[in-house]
Protein backbone atom coordinates (compact mmCIF):
# COMPACT_ATOMS: atom_id res chain seq x y z
CA UNK A 1 -11.38 -20.33 -2.01
CA UNK A 2 -10.78 -18.84 -5.45
CA UNK A 3 -7.17 -18.38 -6.51
CA UNK A 4 -8.01 -14.73 -7.03
CA UNK A 5 -8.71 -14.07 -3.34
CA UNK A 6 -6.82 -11.06 -1.95
CA UNK A 7 -4.52 -13.21 0.15
CA UNK A 8 -3.72 -15.52 -2.75
CA UNK A 9 -2.88 -12.54 -4.96
CA UNK A 10 -0.59 -11.09 -2.29
CA UNK A 11 1.25 -14.38 -1.89
CA UNK A 12 1.59 -14.72 -5.66
CA UNK A 13 3.00 -11.19 -5.95
CA UNK A 14 5.68 -11.93 -3.35
CA UNK A 15 6.48 -15.41 -4.64
CA UNK A 16 10.09 -15.36 -5.75
CA UNK A 17 10.42 -11.59 -5.61
CA UNK A 18 10.57 -8.70 -3.17
CA UNK A 19 7.66 -6.29 -3.53
CA UNK A 20 7.49 -2.60 -2.64
CA UNK A 21 4.33 -1.80 -0.66
CA UNK A 22 3.47 1.92 -0.33
CA UNK A 23 1.02 3.11 2.30
CA UNK A 24 -2.36 4.38 1.07
CA UNK A 25 -3.90 7.04 3.30
CA UNK A 26 -7.11 7.28 1.26
CA UNK A 27 -8.85 5.49 -1.61
CA UNK A 28 -7.69 7.95 -4.26
CA UNK A 29 -4.08 7.37 -3.26
CA UNK A 30 -4.76 3.62 -3.35
CA UNK A 31 -5.81 4.00 -6.97
CA UNK A 32 -2.68 6.02 -7.73
CA UNK A 33 -0.51 3.30 -6.18
CA UNK A 34 -2.19 0.74 -8.41
CA UNK A 35 -1.89 2.95 -11.51
CA UNK A 36 1.83 3.39 -10.81
CA UNK A 37 2.27 -0.37 -11.08
CA UNK A 38 2.83 -1.38 -7.47
CA UNK A 39 1.61 -4.92 -6.72
CA UNK A 40 0.25 -4.25 -3.22
CA UNK A 41 -0.59 -1.46 -0.77
CA UNK A 42 -0.53 -0.95 2.98
CA UNK A 43 -2.99 0.58 5.44
CA UNK A 44 -0.77 1.99 8.18
CA UNK A 45 -2.32 2.53 11.58
CA UNK A 46 -0.12 5.59 12.04
CA UNK A 47 -1.10 7.12 8.69
CA UNK A 48 -4.78 6.34 9.23
CA UNK A 49 -4.81 7.72 12.75
CA UNK A 50 -3.02 10.91 11.72
CA UNK A 51 -4.40 11.42 8.22
CA UNK A 52 -8.07 10.56 8.76
CA UNK A 53 -8.58 11.40 12.44
CA UNK A 54 -5.76 13.82 13.37
CA UNK A 55 -4.86 11.53 16.27
CA UNK A 56 -1.49 10.15 17.38
CA UNK A 57 -0.60 6.51 16.81
CA UNK A 58 -1.46 5.22 20.29
CA UNK A 59 -4.37 2.92 19.52
CA UNK A 60 -7.25 5.43 19.56
CA UNK A 61 -9.19 4.41 16.44
CA UNK A 62 -11.83 1.69 16.61
CA UNK A 63 -12.22 -1.60 14.75
CA UNK A 64 -15.27 -0.24 12.95
CA UNK A 65 -13.33 2.80 11.72
CA UNK A 66 -10.46 0.61 10.53
CA UNK A 67 -12.83 -1.81 8.77
CA UNK A 68 -14.52 1.10 6.98
CA UNK A 69 -11.19 2.46 5.81
CA UNK A 70 -10.19 -1.04 4.67
CA UNK A 71 -13.38 -1.32 2.63
CA UNK A 72 -12.85 2.08 1.02
CA UNK A 73 -9.28 1.19 -0.01
CA UNK A 74 -10.16 -2.25 -1.38
CA UNK A 75 -13.08 -0.80 -3.35
CA UNK A 76 -10.85 1.95 -4.71
CA UNK A 77 -8.13 -0.35 -6.05
CA UNK A 78 -7.80 -4.00 -7.00
CA UNK A 79 -4.29 -4.66 -5.68
CA UNK A 80 -4.07 -6.59 -2.37
CA UNK A 81 -4.07 -4.64 0.89
CA UNK A 82 -2.11 -5.35 4.08
CA UNK A 83 -3.99 -3.92 7.07
CA UNK A 84 -2.25 -2.81 10.26
CA UNK A 85 -4.62 -3.97 13.02
CA UNK A 86 -2.30 -2.84 15.84
CA UNK A 87 -2.81 -5.08 18.89
CA UNK A 88 -6.00 -6.67 17.53
CA UNK A 89 -8.39 -4.54 19.61
CA UNK A 90 -8.21 -6.72 22.70
CA UNK A 91 -7.57 -10.28 23.74
CA UNK A 92 -7.75 -13.47 21.67
CA UNK A 93 -11.54 -13.48 21.27
CA UNK A 94 -11.41 -9.81 20.24
CA UNK A 95 -8.84 -10.74 17.61
CA UNK A 96 -11.33 -13.25 16.19
CA UNK A 97 -13.77 -10.40 15.59
CA UNK A 98 -11.01 -8.21 14.17
CA UNK A 99 -10.09 -10.84 11.58
CA UNK A 100 -13.72 -11.47 10.65
CA UNK A 101 -14.40 -7.76 10.06
CA UNK A 102 -11.19 -6.97 8.18
CA UNK A 103 -11.35 -10.05 5.99
CA UNK A 104 -14.95 -9.18 5.10
CA UNK A 105 -13.76 -5.68 4.18
CA UNK A 106 -11.30 -7.14 1.67
CA UNK A 107 -7.97 -7.37 3.49
CA UNK A 108 -5.32 -9.61 1.96
CA UNK A 109 -3.21 -9.66 5.12
CA UNK A 110 -3.85 -8.66 8.72
CA UNK A 111 -0.95 -7.44 10.82
CA UNK A 112 -0.94 -7.97 14.58
CA UNK A 113 1.73 -6.67 16.95
CA UNK A 114 2.90 -7.76 20.39
CA UNK A 115 2.72 -4.38 22.12
CA UNK A 116 0.63 -3.73 25.18
CA UNK A 117 -1.79 -0.79 25.28
CA UNK A 118 -1.27 2.11 25.26
CA UNK A 119 0.76 1.23 22.17
CA UNK A 120 3.35 3.46 20.53
CA UNK A 121 4.82 3.92 17.09
CA UNK A 122 7.27 1.09 16.58
CA UNK A 123 10.19 3.51 16.30
CA UNK A 124 9.50 5.39 19.55
CA UNK A 125 10.66 4.56 23.05
CA UNK A 126 8.35 3.79 25.97
CA UNK A 127 6.73 0.63 24.58
CA UNK A 128 5.87 -2.46 26.57
CA UNK A 129 5.07 -5.93 25.27
CA UNK A 130 2.55 -8.60 26.09
CA UNK A 131 3.92 -11.97 27.15
CA UNK A 132 4.87 -14.25 24.28
CA UNK A 133 2.15 -16.74 25.25
CA UNK A 134 -0.51 -14.02 25.04
CA UNK A 135 0.60 -13.00 21.56
CA UNK A 136 0.62 -16.64 20.47
CA UNK A 137 -2.97 -16.97 21.68
CA UNK A 138 -3.93 -13.98 19.53
CA UNK A 139 -2.25 -15.51 16.50
CA UNK A 140 -4.04 -18.83 17.03
CA UNK A 141 -7.32 -16.94 17.32
CA UNK A 142 -6.61 -15.06 14.09
CA UNK A 143 -5.82 -18.26 12.21
CA UNK A 144 -8.97 -19.94 13.52
CA UNK A 145 -11.18 -16.98 12.57
CA UNK A 146 -10.13 -16.53 8.95
CA UNK A 147 -12.37 -18.02 6.27
CA UNK A 148 -9.81 -17.89 3.49
CA UNK A 149 -6.73 -20.01 4.27
CA UNK A 150 -4.75 -17.67 2.00
CA UNK A 151 -5.49 -14.65 4.20
CA UNK A 152 -2.03 -13.77 5.49
CA UNK A 153 -1.58 -13.44 9.25
CA UNK A 154 1.37 -11.10 9.63
CA UNK A 155 2.90 -11.14 13.11
CA UNK A 156 4.90 -8.08 14.08
CA UNK A 157 7.29 -8.11 17.00
CA UNK A 158 8.52 -4.94 18.67
CA UNK A 159 10.91 -6.85 20.90
CA UNK A 160 14.05 -5.40 19.27
CA UNK A 161 13.24 -1.93 20.59
CA UNK A 162 12.12 -3.12 24.02
CA UNK A 163 14.58 -5.96 24.75
CA UNK A 164 17.12 -7.04 22.13
CA UNK A 165 17.51 -8.80 18.80
CA UNK A 166 17.69 -12.27 20.35
CA UNK A 167 14.31 -11.77 22.02
CA UNK A 168 12.84 -10.59 18.73
CA UNK A 169 14.16 -13.70 16.97
CA UNK A 170 12.83 -16.01 19.66
CA UNK A 171 9.41 -14.38 19.56
CA UNK A 172 9.31 -14.62 15.77
CA UNK A 173 9.93 -18.36 15.96
CA UNK A 174 7.22 -18.80 18.58
CA UNK A 175 4.77 -16.78 16.49
CA UNK A 176 5.41 -19.01 13.49
CA UNK A 177 4.79 -22.06 15.67
CA UNK A 178 1.46 -20.49 16.68
CA UNK A 179 0.41 -20.22 13.02
CA UNK A 180 1.63 -16.85 11.72
CA UNK A 181 2.30 -16.85 7.98
CA UNK A 182 4.66 -13.90 7.66
CA UNK A 183 6.87 -12.07 10.18
CA UNK A 184 7.44 -8.31 10.57
CA UNK A 185 10.47 -7.46 12.75
CA UNK A 186 10.00 -3.84 13.77
CA UNK A 187 12.74 -1.25 14.35
CA UNK A 188 15.80 -3.29 13.44
CA UNK A 189 18.83 -1.09 13.88
CA UNK A 190 21.25 -2.09 11.09
CA UNK A 191 21.62 -3.94 7.83
CA UNK A 192 23.32 -6.71 9.79
CA UNK A 193 20.24 -7.15 11.95
CA UNK A 194 18.00 -7.38 8.89
CA UNK A 195 20.38 -9.98 7.49
CA UNK A 196 20.45 -12.03 10.71
CA UNK A 197 16.67 -12.10 10.80
CA UNK A 198 16.55 -13.32 7.22
CA UNK A 199 19.08 -16.07 7.97
CA UNK A 200 17.41 -17.35 11.14
CA UNK A 201 13.69 -17.01 10.37
CA UNK A 202 12.33 -19.43 7.78
CA UNK A 203 9.26 -17.52 6.67
CA UNK A 204 8.39 -14.56 4.44
CA UNK A 205 9.64 -11.39 6.11
CA UNK A 206 8.42 -7.81 5.83
CA UNK A 207 10.77 -4.85 6.33
CA UNK A 208 9.58 -1.44 7.44
CA UNK A 209 11.36 1.43 5.69
CA UNK A 210 9.62 4.23 7.52
CA UNK A 211 11.38 7.58 7.51
CA UNK A 212 12.95 9.27 10.55
CA UNK A 213 12.95 6.01 12.54
CA UNK A 214 15.48 3.65 14.06
CA UNK A 215 16.08 1.51 10.97
CA UNK A 216 18.45 2.47 8.14
CA UNK A 217 16.69 3.21 4.85
CA UNK A 218 17.82 0.20 2.87
CA UNK A 219 16.96 -0.01 -0.82
CA UNK A 220 14.50 -2.46 -2.29
CA UNK A 221 17.36 -4.20 -4.10
CA UNK A 222 19.34 -4.50 -0.88
CA UNK A 223 16.41 -6.07 0.97
CA UNK A 224 15.75 -8.33 -2.01
CA UNK A 225 19.34 -9.56 -1.75
CA UNK A 226 18.65 -10.38 1.91
CA UNK A 227 15.54 -12.34 0.93
CA UNK A 228 12.70 -10.17 2.26
CA UNK A 229 9.26 -10.74 0.78
CA UNK A 230 7.92 -7.21 1.13
CA UNK A 231 9.11 -3.70 1.94
CA UNK A 232 6.70 -1.24 3.54
CA UNK A 233 6.71 2.51 2.96
CA UNK A 234 3.88 3.16 5.41
CA UNK A 235 3.79 6.94 5.78
CA UNK A 236 5.94 8.09 2.83
CA UNK A 237 3.09 9.34 0.65
CA UNK A 238 1.29 11.05 3.52
CA UNK A 239 4.46 12.85 4.59
CA UNK A 240 5.15 14.08 1.06
CA UNK A 241 1.53 15.16 0.57
CA UNK A 242 1.43 17.02 3.89
CA UNK A 243 4.64 18.88 3.07
CA UNK A 244 3.04 19.87 -0.25
CA UNK A 245 -0.06 21.14 1.56
CA UNK A 246 2.14 23.12 3.94
CA UNK A 247 3.97 24.77 1.03
CA UNK A 248 0.72 25.54 -0.80
CA UNK A 249 -0.81 27.15 2.26
CA UNK A 250 2.28 29.32 2.68
CA UNK A 251 2.05 30.43 -0.96
CA UNK A 252 -1.65 31.26 -0.64
CA UNK A 253 -1.03 33.22 2.54
CA UNK A 254 1.86 35.16 1.03
CA UNK A 255 0.58 35.74 -2.52
CA UNK A 256 -3.20 35.63 -2.24
CA UNK A 257 -3.37 33.45 -5.36
CA UNK A 258 -2.60 29.87 -6.36
CA UNK A 259 -1.26 30.90 -9.77
CA UNK A 260 2.32 29.80 -9.07
CA UNK A 261 1.11 26.42 -7.81
CA UNK A 262 -0.64 25.30 -10.99
CA UNK A 263 2.34 23.39 -12.36
CA UNK A 264 2.52 21.41 -9.10
CA UNK A 265 -1.13 20.33 -9.22
CA UNK A 266 -2.88 17.28 -10.55
CA UNK A 267 -5.09 18.74 -13.28
CA UNK A 268 -8.85 18.45 -13.37
CA UNK A 269 -8.58 16.03 -16.31
CA UNK A 270 -5.97 13.90 -14.54
CA UNK A 271 -8.25 13.63 -11.52
CA UNK A 272 -11.24 12.73 -13.69
CA UNK A 273 -9.18 10.09 -15.50
CA UNK A 274 -8.13 8.59 -12.16
CA UNK A 275 -11.75 8.53 -11.01
CA UNK A 276 -13.00 7.02 -14.26
CA UNK A 277 -15.40 9.94 -14.57
CA UNK A 278 -16.31 9.31 -18.21
CA UNK A 279 -17.48 5.76 -17.45
CA UNK A 280 -19.93 7.13 -14.87
CA UNK A 281 -21.31 9.56 -17.43
CA UNK A 282 -21.66 6.78 -20.01
CA UNK A 283 -23.49 4.48 -17.58
CA UNK A 284 -25.77 7.29 -16.46
CA UNK A 285 -26.74 7.91 -20.10
CA UNK A 286 -27.49 4.20 -20.61
CA UNK A 287 -29.65 4.08 -17.48
CA UNK A 288 -31.49 7.27 -18.46
CA UNK A 289 -32.21 6.14 -22.00
CA UNK A 290 -33.01 2.57 -20.94
CA UNK A 291 -30.80 1.05 -23.61
C-alpha cells in the first residue's frame, strides 16, 4: 500500500506525539477541523446518531448509513478519520463486511467495542458486554478483512464501567493478542486509572475526553505526559453548535430579527472560502469555454 494511505497517515501523525482528534458531525465541520490544523478527525457514533438522525446512541443506524457518512467526511477533508463502528453490526462475519465497507469509504481507523446490543453510550449505566472470546473473534475478523495493513483496528473496552479496571486491562491485553493495533479504554474514572492503563498496556492508547461523562477532563498535555497516542473530543463541536442554535432560535423568537446575531455568524464569504466556491466557478468557466 502507498505510504499516503489513511491509516499510514494516522499512524505517522501519532508517532512520537499525542494528537487531539475532534469529532466531525458533518463534512463542513470536517473541513473546519482540517483548516484549524488538527491532524485527524473522529466520526462518533453518538454524534452521528443524534446529529444526522435525531436518534439516541443505542445502535440504531445501519452500516450503509455509517459508510455514507464516512465517505462524505473523507471527501470533505484530507486528514485521516477514525470511525466509530460500535459493535461491528453483528458477529465476526458481519465485522468483515463492516471493515470492507468502511475501509472503502476512506476510514483510517475502525473502532470496535465489546458491548452487547442494545448498546449504550460508554458513560451511561446499564451496559452489558460480550464474552472476551467473542470480541477477540471480531478483532481477528477485522484484521483478516482489511486490505491495507496500515488500517488501524481500534479495540474499545467498556469493561471499566461494567466490571472493574482489572477486567478492562485483561481484556485490552487479550484484544492485542487477537490483533488489535490500538486500544481505547472507555470511561476510566481518574487520572490514576489513565496512568495505570498507560503503564500496563504496551500499545497506542486513545483517551476519550467526552463532556459530562465519568472520566475527568484531562488536558492534552497531561495525557501526553501519560503517553497516550490520541485524545478524542467526540461530541464537543456538536454540543457547542447545538447550544448556539438554541440561543439563535430564542433570539429570533423574542426579537423577530437576526440582527443581533450577525457578529456570531460565519459570513457568506467565510463559508464560500471554506467550500472553495471560487474554484468551482473557475472550473465551470473552463468547461464552458472549452479551454
